[in-house]
């Protein structure tokens, strides 16, 4: 909402019904904008489900700022669309709203895995490790996070740490696809 000048404030003070109408119009405008943003979120999620990641990215792009209460969900969907579009460099920045929410977002673990996988695609092993480290270990989905950490350790030039993480996956989750 824009701020009013002192003369506009004086006018509104003399006309209380006008002031109430201005406040109501602003509230309705904000509600309509919020409804439009929610409709875009729904359409973006549907496009992502249908495999139209380009349309999903277009629809979801501005939503984390427009829907601050659920910015982590909008950001996660946007990052998924960017990953499907093979725009790996855009994935980690798109996920920033996930790590800004307090308490920790329920999507933090899945977001860390998505970001780390994308960072490894563009050869950013050290950034992938940092991304995994910024999420509480209990939130990271295993064995996916363990395997990504092992690959990132390899890419960062630490074969001993990589071997330890590979063993964690192999012995901790022997029936998982990641252990093969």
Protein backbone atom coordinates (compact mmCIF):
# COMPACT_ATOMS: atom_id res chain seq x y z
CA UNK A 1 0.00 0.00 0.00
CA UNK A 2 1.34 3.44 -0.86
CA UNK A 3 1.72 6.13 1.79
CA UNK A 4 -0.49 9.19 1.72
CA UNK A 5 0.60 12.82 1.79
CA UNK A 6 -0.43 15.07 4.68
CA UNK A 7 -3.06 16.83 2.54
CA UNK A 8 -4.55 13.48 1.57
CA UNK A 9 -4.55 12.45 5.22
CA UNK A 10 -6.38 15.68 6.14
CA UNK A 11 -8.95 15.05 3.42
CA UNK A 12 -9.52 11.51 4.68
CA UNK A 13 -9.80 12.78 8.27
CA UNK A 14 -12.64 15.11 7.21
CA UNK A 15 -14.39 12.36 5.31
CA UNK A 16 -14.41 9.25 7.53
CA UNK A 17 -16.56 7.27 5.10
CA UNK A 18 -14.07 8.01 2.34
CA UNK A 19 -11.25 6.90 4.64
CA UNK A 20 -13.08 3.66 5.36
CA UNK A 21 -13.63 3.13 1.64
CA UNK A 22 -9.93 3.67 0.88
CA UNK A 23 -8.91 1.18 3.59
CA UNK A 24 -11.51 -1.34 2.37
CA UNK A 25 -10.38 -0.93 -1.25
CA UNK A 26 -6.76 -1.50 -0.25
CA UNK A 27 -7.71 -4.59 1.75
CA UNK A 28 -9.81 -5.97 -1.10
CA UNK A 29 -7.00 -5.25 -3.55
CA UNK A 30 -4.52 -7.11 -1.34
CA UNK A 31 -6.95 -10.03 -0.98
CA UNK A 32 -7.50 -10.13 -4.74
CA UNK A 33 -3.75 -10.04 -5.36
CA UNK A 34 -3.29 -12.87 -2.85
CA UNK A 35 -6.05 -14.89 -4.52
CA UNK A 36 -4.42 -14.35 -7.92
CA UNK A 37 -1.06 -15.47 -6.50
CA UNK A 38 -2.64 -18.58 -5.01
CA UNK A 39 -4.30 -19.34 -8.35
CA UNK A 40 -0.88 -19.01 -10.04
CA UNK A 41 0.62 -21.35 -7.43
CA UNK A 42 -2.06 -23.93 -8.18
CA UNK A 43 -1.59 -23.53 -11.94
CA UNK A 44 2.20 -23.74 -11.59
CA UNK A 45 1.97 -26.92 -9.52
CA UNK A 46 -0.42 -28.43 -12.07
CA UNK A 47 1.92 -27.52 -14.93
CA UNK A 48 4.81 -29.11 -13.05
CA UNK A 49 2.76 -32.29 -12.52
CA UNK A 50 1.98 -32.39 -16.25
CA UNK A 51 5.66 -32.05 -17.13
CA UNK A 52 5.39 -28.52 -18.50
CA UNK A 53 8.28 -27.20 -16.44
CA UNK A 54 8.75 -24.10 -18.61
CA UNK A 55 5.19 -22.92 -17.91
CA UNK A 56 5.58 -23.87 -14.26
CA UNK A 57 8.72 -21.75 -13.91
CA UNK A 58 6.99 -18.82 -15.59
CA UNK A 59 3.97 -19.07 -13.28
CA UNK A 60 5.91 -19.73 -10.08
CA UNK A 61 8.75 -17.22 -10.53
CA UNK A 62 7.39 -14.23 -8.59
CA UNK A 63 5.38 -16.18 -6.02
CA UNK A 64 7.85 -16.58 -3.14
CA UNK A 65 7.78 -12.78 -2.66
CA UNK A 66 4.02 -12.53 -3.23
CA UNK A 67 3.17 -15.31 -0.78
CA UNK A 68 5.55 -14.86 2.15
CA UNK A 69 3.60 -17.17 4.46
CA UNK A 70 4.20 -20.10 2.11
CA UNK A 71 7.30 -18.82 0.32
CA UNK A 72 9.13 -22.07 1.06
CA UNK A 73 6.54 -24.13 -0.84
CA UNK A 74 6.43 -21.73 -3.80
CA UNK A 75 10.24 -21.66 -3.89
CA UNK A 76 10.50 -25.45 -3.78
CA UNK A 77 8.08 -25.83 -6.70
CA UNK A 78 9.97 -23.16 -8.65
CA UNK A 79 13.28 -24.92 -7.99
CA UNK A 80 11.82 -28.23 -9.18
CA UNK A 81 10.73 -26.54 -12.40
CA UNK A 82 14.19 -25.02 -12.88
CA UNK A 83 15.84 -28.43 -12.32
CA UNK A 84 13.51 -30.07 -14.83
CA UNK A 85 14.42 -27.31 -17.30
CA UNK A 86 18.09 -28.20 -16.66
CA UNK A 87 18.71 -24.66 -15.39
CA UNK A 88 20.80 -26.04 -12.54
CA UNK A 89 22.47 -22.75 -11.67
CA UNK A 90 19.03 -21.25 -10.89
CA UNK A 91 17.97 -24.00 -8.48
CA UNK A 92 19.95 -23.11 -5.34
CA UNK A 93 19.11 -19.38 -5.48
CA UNK A 94 15.44 -20.22 -6.02
CA UNK A 95 15.49 -22.26 -2.80
CA UNK A 96 16.76 -19.46 -0.54
CA UNK A 97 13.28 -18.79 0.91
CA UNK A 98 13.22 -22.36 2.24
CA UNK A 99 16.16 -21.63 4.55
CA UNK A 100 14.89 -18.22 5.64
CA UNK A 101 11.72 -19.47 7.35
CA UNK A 102 11.60 -20.09 11.07
CA UNK A 103 11.04 -22.67 12.37
CA UNK A 104 12.81 -24.91 9.89
CA UNK A 105 10.67 -25.60 6.84
CA UNK A 106 9.32 -29.13 6.43
CA UNK A 107 10.77 -28.92 2.90
CA UNK A 108 14.32 -28.11 4.06
CA UNK A 109 15.65 -31.66 3.63
CA UNK A 110 14.15 -32.19 0.19
CA UNK A 111 15.27 -28.71 -0.83
CA UNK A 112 18.84 -29.41 0.29
CA UNK A 113 18.91 -32.61 -1.77
CA UNK A 114 17.50 -30.83 -4.83
CA UNK A 115 19.99 -27.97 -4.49
CA UNK A 116 22.96 -30.29 -3.89
CA UNK A 117 22.05 -32.45 -6.88
CA UNK A 118 21.81 -29.35 -9.08
CA UNK A 119 25.06 -27.91 -7.77
CA UNK A 120 26.84 -31.19 -8.54
CA UNK A 121 25.44 -31.03 -12.08
CA UNK A 122 27.32 -27.77 -12.62
CA UNK A 123 30.49 -28.90 -10.85
CA UNK A 124 30.00 -26.98 -7.60
CA UNK A 125 30.91 -29.77 -5.15
CA UNK A 126 31.96 -27.47 -2.30
CA UNK A 127 28.71 -25.49 -2.54
CA UNK A 128 26.78 -28.77 -2.55
CA UNK A 129 28.46 -29.75 0.72
CA UNK A 130 27.63 -26.37 2.25
CA UNK A 131 24.03 -26.67 1.12
CA UNK A 132 23.65 -30.07 2.74
CA UNK A 133 25.31 -28.77 5.91
CA UNK A 134 22.87 -25.88 6.35
CA UNK A 135 19.98 -28.29 6.89
CA UNK A 136 19.62 -30.19 10.18
CA UNK A 137 20.79 -33.79 9.68
CA UNK A 138 17.49 -35.18 10.96
CA UNK A 139 15.67 -33.38 8.12
CA UNK A 140 17.86 -34.77 5.33
CA UNK A 141 16.23 -37.67 3.47
CA UNK A 142 18.53 -40.66 3.54
CA UNK A 143 20.11 -42.37 1.70
CA UNK A 144 19.80 -39.69 -1.03
CA UNK A 145 21.57 -37.04 1.04
CA UNK A 146 24.32 -39.46 2.04
CA UNK A 147 25.03 -40.40 -1.56
CA UNK A 148 25.04 -36.75 -2.65
CA UNK A 149 27.43 -35.93 0.17
CA UNK A 150 29.72 -38.77 -0.93
CA UNK A 151 29.70 -37.48 -4.52
CA UNK A 152 30.31 -33.93 -3.33
CA UNK A 153 33.24 -35.10 -1.18
CA UNK A 154 34.70 -36.82 -4.24
CA UNK A 155 34.25 -33.65 -6.29
CA UNK A 156 35.83 -31.56 -3.54
CA UNK A 157 38.90 -33.82 -3.55
CA UNK A 158 38.37 -35.66 -0.26
CA UNK A 159 38.34 -39.38 -1.16
CA UNK A 160 38.50 -40.54 2.48
CA UNK A 161 35.37 -38.60 3.48
CA UNK A 162 33.71 -39.77 0.26
CA UNK A 163 34.47 -43.40 1.07
CA UNK A 164 33.05 -42.98 4.56
CA UNK A 165 29.79 -41.56 3.19
CA UNK A 166 29.58 -44.31 0.56
CA UNK A 167 29.98 -46.88 3.34
CA UNK A 168 27.28 -45.10 5.36
CA UNK A 169 24.90 -45.50 2.44
CA UNK A 170 26.00 -49.04 1.53
CA UNK A 171 25.80 -50.47 5.05
CA UNK A 172 23.03 -48.25 6.42
CA UNK A 173 20.66 -48.72 3.49
CA UNK A 174 21.72 -51.96 1.79
CA UNK A 175 18.44 -52.46 -0.12
CA UNK A 176 18.23 -48.89 -1.44
CA UNK A 177 19.02 -48.07 -5.06
CA UNK A 178 21.64 -45.60 -3.81
CA UNK A 179 23.64 -48.49 -2.25
CA UNK A 180 24.16 -50.19 -5.60
